[in-house]
C-alpha atoms as a PDB file:
ATOM      1  CA  MET A   1     -24.360  27.502   2.438  1.00  0.00           C
ATOM      2  CA  THR A   2     -20.633  26.892   2.932  1.00  0.00           C
ATOM      3  CA  ALA A   3     -21.256  24.885   6.114  1.00  0.00           C
ATOM      4  CA  GLU A   4     -23.894  22.826   4.331  1.00  0.00           C
ATOM      5  CA  ARG A   5     -21.538  22.094   1.424  1.00  0.00           C
ATOM      6  CA  ASN A   6     -18.817  21.045   3.861  1.00  0.00           C
ATOM      7  CA  ARG A   7     -21.247  18.750   5.664  1.00  0.00           C
ATOM      8  CA  LEU A   8     -22.328  17.119   2.410  1.00  0.00           C
ATOM      9  CA  SER A   9     -18.692  16.778   1.305  1.00  0.00           C
ATOM     10  CA  GLN A  10     -17.782  15.104   4.600  1.00  0.00           C
ATOM     11  CA  LYS A  11     -20.754  12.755   4.316  1.00  0.00           C
ATOM     12  CA  LYS A  12     -19.773  11.825   0.757  1.00  0.00           C
ATOM     13  CA  LEU A  13     -16.166  11.199   1.824  1.00  0.00           C
ATOM     14  CA  LEU A  14     -17.287   9.006   4.736  1.00  0.00           C
ATOM     15  CA  THR A  15     -19.596   6.991   2.473  1.00  0.00           C
ATOM     16  CA  GLN A  16     -16.836   6.526  -0.103  1.00  0.00           C
ATOM     17  CA  ALA A  17     -14.349   5.425   2.558  1.00  0.00           C
ATOM     18  CA  VAL A  18     -16.745   2.910   4.142  1.00  0.00           C
ATOM     19  CA  LEU A  19     -17.749   1.409   0.791  1.00  0.00           C
ATOM     20  CA  LYS A  20     -14.124   1.022  -0.352  1.00  0.00           C
ATOM     21  CA  PHE A  21     -13.178  -0.521   2.979  1.00  0.00           C
ATOM     22  CA  LEU A  22     -16.011  -3.058   2.849  1.00  0.00           C
ATOM     23  CA  LEU A  23     -15.269  -3.848  -0.795  1.00  0.00           C
ATOM     24  CA  GLY A  24     -11.636  -4.494   0.090  1.00  0.00           C
ATOM     25  CA  VAL A  25     -12.606  -6.846   2.930  1.00  0.00           C
ATOM     26  CA  ILE A  26     -15.018  -8.781   0.698  1.00  0.00           C
ATOM     27  CA  LEU A  27     -12.659  -9.073  -2.262  1.00  0.00           C
ATOM     28  CA  LEU A  28      -9.613 -10.120  -0.252  1.00  0.00           C
ATOM     29  CA  GLY A  29     -11.702 -12.610   1.704  1.00  0.00           C
ATOM     30  CA  ALA A  30     -13.013 -14.086  -1.542  1.00  0.00           C
ATOM     31  CA  PHE A  31      -9.539 -14.323  -3.104  1.00  0.00           C
ATOM     32  CA  ILE A  32      -8.184 -16.108  -0.028  1.00  0.00           C
ATOM     33  CA  PHE A  33     -10.974 -18.307   1.323  1.00  0.00           C
ATOM     34  CA  LEU A  34     -12.728 -19.438  -1.850  1.00  0.00           C
ATOM     35  CA  PRO A  35      -9.575 -21.125  -3.250  1.00  0.00           C
ATOM     36  CA  ALA A  36      -8.839 -22.484   0.245  1.00  0.00           C
ATOM     37  CA  GLY A  37     -12.287 -24.089   0.261  1.00  0.00           C
ATOM     38  CA  SER A  38     -12.614 -23.610   4.032  1.00  0.00           C
ATOM     39  CA  TRP A  39     -13.031 -20.980   6.724  1.00  0.00           C
ATOM     40  CA  ASP A  40     -10.437 -22.840   8.828  1.00  0.00           C
ATOM     41  CA  TYR A  41      -7.515 -21.141   7.070  1.00  0.00           C
ATOM     42  CA  TRP A  42      -6.328 -19.358  10.230  1.00  0.00           C
ATOM     43  CA  GLN A  43      -3.441 -17.634   8.483  1.00  0.00           C
ATOM     44  CA  GLY A  44      -6.004 -15.999   6.202  1.00  0.00           C
ATOM     45  CA  TRP A  45      -7.891 -14.607   9.214  1.00  0.00           C
ATOM     46  CA  LEU A  46      -4.592 -13.428  10.681  1.00  0.00           C
ATOM     47  CA  LEU A  47      -3.776 -11.437   7.544  1.00  0.00           C
ATOM     48  CA  MET A  48      -7.295 -10.000   7.377  1.00  0.00           C
ATOM     49  CA  GLY A  49      -6.935  -8.841  10.984  1.00  0.00           C
ATOM     50  CA  VAL A  50      -3.491  -7.234  10.794  1.00  0.00           C
ATOM     51  CA  LEU A  51      -4.389  -5.598   7.466  1.00  0.00           C
ATOM     52  CA  PHE A  52      -7.882  -4.250   7.989  1.00  0.00           C
ATOM     53  CA  ILE A  53      -8.022  -3.405  11.704  1.00  0.00           C
ATOM     54  CA  PRO A  54      -5.148  -0.857  11.479  1.00  0.00           C
ATOM     55  CA  MET A  55      -6.587   0.369   8.164  1.00  0.00           C
ATOM     56  CA  PHE A  56      -9.959   1.004   9.839  1.00  0.00           C
ATOM     57  CA  ILE A  57      -8.325   2.875  12.724  1.00  0.00           C
ATOM     58  CA  ALA A  58      -6.150   4.946  10.359  1.00  0.00           C
ATOM     59  CA  GLY A  59      -9.213   5.818   8.293  1.00  0.00           C
ATOM     60  CA  ILE A  60     -11.046   7.126  11.352  1.00  0.00           C
ATOM     61  CA  ILE A  61      -8.028   9.201  12.396  1.00  0.00           C
ATOM     62  CA  MET A  62      -7.648  10.722   8.925  1.00  0.00           C
ATOM     63  CA  MET A  63     -11.391  11.383   8.715  1.00  0.00           C
ATOM     64  CA  ILE A  64     -11.225  13.377  11.957  1.00  0.00           C
ATOM     65  CA  LYS A  65      -7.820  15.071  11.661  1.00  0.00           C
ATOM     66  CA  ASN A  66      -7.041  15.269   7.940  1.00  0.00           C
ATOM     67  CA  PRO A  67      -9.997  14.493   5.649  1.00  0.00           C
ATOM     68  CA  GLU A  68      -8.147  15.941   2.655  1.00  0.00           C
ATOM     69  CA  LEU A  69      -5.389  13.338   3.033  1.00  0.00           C
ATOM     70  CA  LEU A  70      -8.039  10.615   3.250  1.00  0.00           C
ATOM     71  CA  ARG A  71      -9.610  11.962   0.058  1.00  0.00           C
ATOM     72  CA  LYS A  72      -6.237  11.783  -1.694  1.00  0.00           C
ATOM     73  CA  ARG A  73      -5.641   8.212  -0.469  1.00  0.00           C
ATOM     74  CA  LEU A  74      -9.046   7.139  -1.797  1.00  0.00           C
ATOM     75  CA  ASN A  75      -8.358   8.582  -5.239  1.00  0.00           C
ATOM     76  CA  ALA A  76      -6.850   5.722  -7.231  1.00  0.00           C
ATOM     77  CA  LYS A  77      -7.523   6.958 -10.766  1.00  0.00           C
ATOM     78  CA  GLU A  78      -4.143   7.398 -12.439  1.00  0.00           C
ATOM     79  CA  GLN A  79      -3.703  10.104 -15.072  1.00  0.00           C
ATOM     80  CA  GLU A  80      -0.391   8.750 -16.372  1.00  0.00           C
ATOM     81  CA  GLY A  81      -0.839   6.043 -19.013  1.00  0.00           C
ATOM     82  CA  GLU A  82       2.307   4.262 -17.897  1.00  0.00           C
ATOM     83  CA  GLN A  83       1.032   4.160 -14.326  1.00  0.00           C
ATOM     84  CA  ARG A  84      -2.343   2.762 -15.357  1.00  0.00           C
ATOM     85  CA  THR A  85      -0.430  -0.173 -16.830  1.00  0.00           C
ATOM     86  CA  VAL A  86       1.552  -0.561 -13.608  1.00  0.00           C
ATOM     87  CA  VAL A  87      -1.682  -0.598 -11.570  1.00  0.00           C
ATOM     88  CA  LYS A  88      -3.216  -3.277 -13.794  1.00  0.00           C
ATOM     89  CA  ILE A  89      -0.121  -5.486 -13.580  1.00  0.00           C
ATOM     90  CA  SER A  90      -0.024  -5.040  -9.797  1.00  0.00           C
ATOM     91  CA  GLY A  91      -3.691  -6.003  -9.528  1.00  0.00           C
ATOM     92  CA  LEU A  92      -3.205  -9.201 -11.500  1.00  0.00           C
ATOM     93  CA  LEU A  93      -0.111 -10.001  -9.440  1.00  0.00           C
ATOM     94  CA  PHE A  94      -2.023  -9.668  -6.174  1.00  0.00           C
ATOM     95  CA  ILE A  95      -4.964 -11.747  -7.352  1.00  0.00           C
ATOM     96  CA  ALA A  96      -2.613 -14.527  -8.494  1.00  0.00           C
ATOM     97  CA  CYS A  97      -0.733 -14.363  -5.178  1.00  0.00           C
ATOM     98  CA  PHE A  98      -3.792 -14.633  -2.938  1.00  0.00           C
ATOM     99  CA  VAL A  99      -5.515 -17.309  -5.018  1.00  0.00           C
ATOM    100  CA  LEU A 100      -2.332 -19.377  -4.999  1.00  0.00           C
ATOM    101  CA  CYS A 101      -2.088 -18.929  -1.215  1.00  0.00           C
ATOM    102  CA  GLY A 102      -5.564 -20.389  -0.802  1.00  0.00           C
ATOM    103  CA  LEU A 103      -4.864 -23.292  -3.126  1.00  0.00           C
ATOM    104  CA  ASN A 104      -1.537 -23.947  -1.433  1.00  0.00           C
ATOM    105  CA  TRP A 105      -3.271 -24.232   1.958  1.00  0.00           C
ATOM    106  CA  ARG A 106      -6.075 -26.366   0.537  1.00  0.00           C
ATOM    107  CA  PHE A 107      -3.838 -28.930  -1.126  1.00  0.00           C
ATOM    108  CA  GLU A 108      -0.896 -28.554   1.293  1.00  0.00           C
ATOM    109  CA  TRP A 109       1.681 -28.214  -1.459  1.00  0.00           C
ATOM    110  CA  CYS A 110       4.284 -26.348   0.606  1.00  0.00           C
ATOM    111  CA  LEU A 111       3.279 -24.733   3.919  1.00  0.00           C
ATOM    112  CA  LEU A 112       5.585 -22.562   5.976  1.00  0.00           C
ATOM    113  CA  PRO A 113       5.958 -23.290   9.719  1.00  0.00           C
ATOM    114  CA  ASP A 114       4.075 -21.203  12.258  1.00  0.00           C
ATOM    115  CA  TRP A 115       7.222 -19.391  13.452  1.00  0.00           C
ATOM    116  CA  ALA A 116       7.721 -18.006   9.924  1.00  0.00           C
ATOM    117  CA  VAL A 117       4.098 -16.847   9.835  1.00  0.00           C
ATOM    118  CA  TRP A 118       4.398 -15.005  13.158  1.00  0.00           C
ATOM    119  CA  THR A 119       7.781 -13.494  12.270  1.00  0.00           C
ATOM    120  CA  ALA A 120       6.324 -12.144   9.035  1.00  0.00           C
ATOM    121  CA  THR A 121       3.385 -10.766  11.030  1.00  0.00           C
ATOM    122  CA  VAL A 122       5.741  -8.778  13.261  1.00  0.00           C
ATOM    123  CA  VAL A 123       7.533  -7.365  10.203  1.00  0.00           C
ATOM    124  CA  PHE A 124       4.145  -6.550   8.622  1.00  0.00           C
ATOM    125  CA  VAL A 125       3.004  -4.585  11.684  1.00  0.00           C
ATOM    126  CA  GLY A 126       6.350  -2.751  11.748  1.00  0.00           C
ATOM    127  CA  ALA A 127       5.907  -1.843   8.080  1.00  0.00           C
ATOM    128  CA  TYR A 128       2.414  -0.578   8.853  1.00  0.00           C
ATOM    129  CA  LEU A 129       3.844   1.727  11.537  1.00  0.00           C
ATOM    130  CA  LEU A 130       6.406   2.954   8.998  1.00  0.00           C
ATOM    131  CA  TYR A 131       3.549   3.583   6.562  1.00  0.00           C
ATOM    132  CA  ALA A 132       1.703   5.626   9.205  1.00  0.00           C
ATOM    133  CA  GLU A 133       4.809   7.712   9.900  1.00  0.00           C
ATOM    134  CA  VAL A 134       5.192   8.479   6.188  1.00  0.00           C
ATOM    135  CA  LEU A 135       1.574   9.671   6.061  1.00  0.00           C
ATOM    136  CA  ARG A 136       2.258  11.900   9.067  1.00  0.00           C
ATOM    137  CA  GLU A 137       5.365  13.420   7.473  1.00  0.00           C
ATOM    138  CA  ASN A 138       3.989  13.985   3.981  1.00  0.00           C
ATOM    139  CA  THR A 139       0.454  15.351   3.673  1.00  0.00           C
ATOM    140  CA  TYR A 140       0.822  15.588  -0.118  1.00  0.00           C
ATOM    141  CA  LEU A 141       0.693  11.815  -0.499  1.00  0.00           C
ATOM    142  CA  SER A 142      -1.948  10.465  -2.841  1.00  0.00           C
ATOM    143  CA  ARG A 143      -2.356   7.085  -4.474  1.00  0.00           C
ATOM    144  CA  THR A 144      -1.814   8.598  -7.913  1.00  0.00           C
ATOM    145  CA  ILE A 145       1.305  10.171  -9.360  1.00  0.00           C
ATOM    146  CA  GLU A 146       0.746  13.909  -9.684  1.00  0.00           C
ATOM    147  CA  VAL A 147       2.118  17.306  -8.711  1.00  0.00           C
ATOM    148  CA  GLN A 148      -0.406  19.043  -6.463  1.00  0.00           C
ATOM    149  CA  GLU A 149      -1.098  22.725  -6.096  1.00  0.00           C
ATOM    150  CA  ASN A 150       1.371  24.433  -3.710  1.00  0.00           C
ATOM    151  CA  GLN A 151       3.205  21.141  -3.224  1.00  0.00           C
ATOM    152  CA  LYS A 152       6.644  21.379  -1.647  1.00  0.00           C
ATOM    153  CA  VAL A 153       9.559  18.967  -1.511  1.00  0.00           C
ATOM    154  CA  ILE A 154       9.664  17.015   1.759  1.00  0.00           C
ATOM    155  CA  ASP A 155      13.305  16.363   2.650  1.00  0.00           C
ATOM    156  CA  SER A 156      13.233  15.772   6.419  1.00  0.00           C
ATOM    157  CA  GLY A 157      12.567  12.718   8.571  1.00  0.00           C
ATOM    158  CA  LEU A 158      12.355   9.507   6.574  1.00  0.00           C
ATOM    159  CA  TYR A 159      12.538  11.554   3.367  1.00  0.00           C
ATOM    160  CA  GLY A 160      16.012  12.678   4.405  1.00  0.00           C
ATOM    161  CA  ILE A 161      17.135   9.033   4.333  1.00  0.00           C
ATOM    162  CA  VAL A 162      15.420   7.625   1.225  1.00  0.00           C
ATOM    163  CA  ARG A 163      13.372   9.287  -1.503  1.00  0.00           C
ATOM    164  CA  HIS A 164      10.415   6.911  -1.334  1.00  0.00           C
ATOM    165  CA  PRO A 165       9.821   5.653   2.219  1.00  0.00           C
ATOM    166  CA  MET A 166       6.208   4.906   1.286  1.00  0.00           C
ATOM    167  CA  TYR A 167       7.363   2.359  -1.275  1.00  0.00           C
ATOM    168  CA  LEU A 168       9.731   0.871   1.279  1.00  0.00           C
ATOM    169  CA  ALA A 169       6.752   0.347   3.590  1.00  0.00           C
ATOM    170  CA  THR A 170       4.491  -1.085   0.892  1.00  0.00           C
ATOM    171  CA  THR A 171       7.237  -3.396  -0.388  1.00  0.00           C
ATOM    172  CA  LEU A 172       7.674  -4.842   3.117  1.00  0.00           C
ATOM    173  CA  LEU A 173       3.902  -5.163   3.483  1.00  0.00           C
ATOM    174  CA  PHE A 174       3.416  -6.918   0.168  1.00  0.00           C
ATOM    175  CA  LEU A 175       6.356  -9.295   0.516  1.00  0.00           C
ATOM    176  CA  THR A 176       5.304 -10.399   4.002  1.00  0.00           C
ATOM    177  CA  MET A 177       1.674 -11.065   3.026  1.00  0.00           C
ATOM    178  CA  PRO A 178       2.318 -14.440   1.327  1.00  0.00           C
ATOM    179  CA  ILE A 179       4.560 -15.497   4.230  1.00  0.00           C
ATOM    180  CA  ILE A 180       1.781 -14.682   6.712  1.00  0.00           C
ATOM    181  CA  LEU A 181      -0.423 -16.878   4.512  1.00  0.00           C
ATOM    182  CA  ALA A 182       2.223 -19.648   4.825  1.00  0.00           C
ATOM    183  CA  SER A 183       2.845 -19.846   1.084  1.00  0.00           C
ATOM    184  CA  PRO A 184       6.454 -19.733  -0.181  1.00  0.00           C
ATOM    185  CA  LEU A 185       5.130 -20.273  -3.714  1.00  0.00           C
ATOM    186  CA  SER A 186       3.136 -17.051  -3.492  1.00  0.00           C
ATOM    187  CA  PHE A 187       6.170 -15.242  -2.108  1.00  0.00           C
ATOM    188  CA  LEU A 188       8.000 -16.091  -5.333  1.00  0.00           C
ATOM    189  CA  VAL A 189       5.058 -14.691  -7.288  1.00  0.00           C
ATOM    190  CA  MET A 190       5.048 -11.514  -5.196  1.00  0.00           C
ATOM    191  CA  LEU A 191       8.718 -10.907  -5.997  1.00  0.00           C
ATOM    192  CA  GLY A 192       7.337  -9.748  -9.334  1.00  0.00           C
ATOM    193  CA  TYR A 193       6.252  -6.616  -7.471  1.00  0.00           C
ATOM    194  CA  LEU A 194       9.875  -5.412  -7.325  1.00  0.00           C
ATOM    195  CA  PRO A 195      10.291  -4.608 -11.044  1.00  0.00           C
ATOM    196  CA  VAL A 196       6.773  -3.155 -11.027  1.00  0.00           C
ATOM    197  CA  ILE A 197       7.571  -0.729  -8.214  1.00  0.00           C
ATOM    198  CA  ALA A 198      10.923   0.123  -9.822  1.00  0.00           C
ATOM    199  CA  LYS A 199       9.059   1.130 -12.979  1.00  0.00           C
ATOM    200  CA  ARG A 200       6.601   3.216 -10.961  1.00  0.00           C
ATOM    201  CA  ILE A 201       9.423   5.022  -9.166  1.00  0.00           C
ATOM    202  CA  ARG A 202      11.176   5.884 -12.439  1.00  0.00           C
ATOM    203  CA  ASN A 203       7.977   7.383 -13.840  1.00  0.00           C
ATOM    204  CA  GLU A 204       7.143   9.222 -10.612  1.00  0.00           C
ATOM    205  CA  GLU A 205      10.568  10.850 -10.407  1.00  0.00           C
ATOM    206  CA  ARG A 206      10.308  11.928 -14.034  1.00  0.00           C
ATOM    207  CA  VAL A 207       6.930  13.571 -13.354  1.00  0.00           C
ATOM    208  CA  LEU A 208       8.194  15.295 -10.201  1.00  0.00           C
ATOM    209  CA  LEU A 209      11.332  16.544 -11.958  1.00  0.00           C
ATOM    210  CA  GLN A 210       9.179  18.178 -14.593  1.00  0.00           C
ATOM    211  CA  GLY A 211       6.607  19.746 -12.285  1.00  0.00           C
ATOM    212  CA  LEU A 212       7.922  20.101  -8.723  1.00  0.00           C
ATOM    213  CA  LYS A 213      10.301  22.965  -8.001  1.00  0.00           C
ATOM    214  CA  GLY A 214      13.420  21.910  -6.101  1.00  0.00           C
ATOM    215  CA  TYR A 215      13.027  18.196  -6.762  1.00  0.00           C
ATOM    216  CA  ASP A 216      16.227  18.123  -8.826  1.00  0.00           C
ATOM    217  CA  LEU A 217      18.186  19.403  -5.806  1.00  0.00           C
ATOM    218  CA  TYR A 218      16.459  16.831  -3.611  1.00  0.00           C
ATOM    219  CA  LEU A 219      17.638  14.024  -5.902  1.00  0.00           C
ATOM    220  CA  GLN A 220      21.203  15.261  -5.473  1.00  0.00           C
ATOM    221  CA  LYS A 221      20.816  15.448  -1.686  1.00  0.00           C
ATOM    222  CA  VAL A 222      19.166  12.040  -1.109  1.00  0.00           C
ATOM    223  CA  LYS A 223      20.885   9.382  -3.215  1.00  0.00           C
ATOM    224  CA  TYR A 224      18.902   6.252  -2.353  1.00  0.00           C
ATOM    225  CA  LYS A 225      15.392   5.471  -3.527  1.00  0.00           C
ATOM    226  CA  ILE A 226      14.177   2.821  -1.068  1.00  0.00           C
ATOM    227  CA  ILE A 227      17.000   1.054   0.778  1.00  0.00           C
ATOM    228  CA  PRO A 228      19.903   3.107   2.238  1.00  0.00           C
ATOM    229  CA  PHE A 229      23.305   2.269   0.682  1.00  0.00           C
ATOM    230  CA  ILE A 230      21.710  -0.366  -1.592  1.00  0.00           C
ATOM    231  CA  TRP A 231      18.942   1.048  -3.808  1.00  0.00           C
END
């Protein structure tokens, strides 16, 4: 019976992961290419490739080696009311950014040169590798803010340098997306992500201080939240 339950659980997890992946591809494609009015928006295909191909590979690796981590990453239902607001604001910000990117390409308002697009792509891939390293170091990571059962403070590796290396990675990813899409106007819109992530960090640290043993000592040990010597 236990083996059968595990098999059904694995099948359910795989189905959930595939459906969310396909939904993400469809939605992002719609937000980019419909406003662009053409499939010839090569920067859009570039972003789709560097975003979803590594995501697909990472999903397979987590499914094989650490299905529990994959389950946590797929859980996006926030329990904290403040964080639900942050998620909604972030969602609207991303939709506005991608739609504006498509419109910018369609009407050629202000397009960045190819060298800027490729430079941003290199930074994006580097941020993705940073993201993967954070997942390797911290198996407690989920997409929601919570204190998990038997959770311990991670204070080595990247976590010995900054408190939130995951947010460093996602900030780099999100800020390079509009540049890959050749839209400086959308980059200005995406700068709105900075106060959003700052608000999320404040709430997350408050939750962890209340529920995670030793987190207060960790805050004293590691002074910087995202960027060493700056923030």
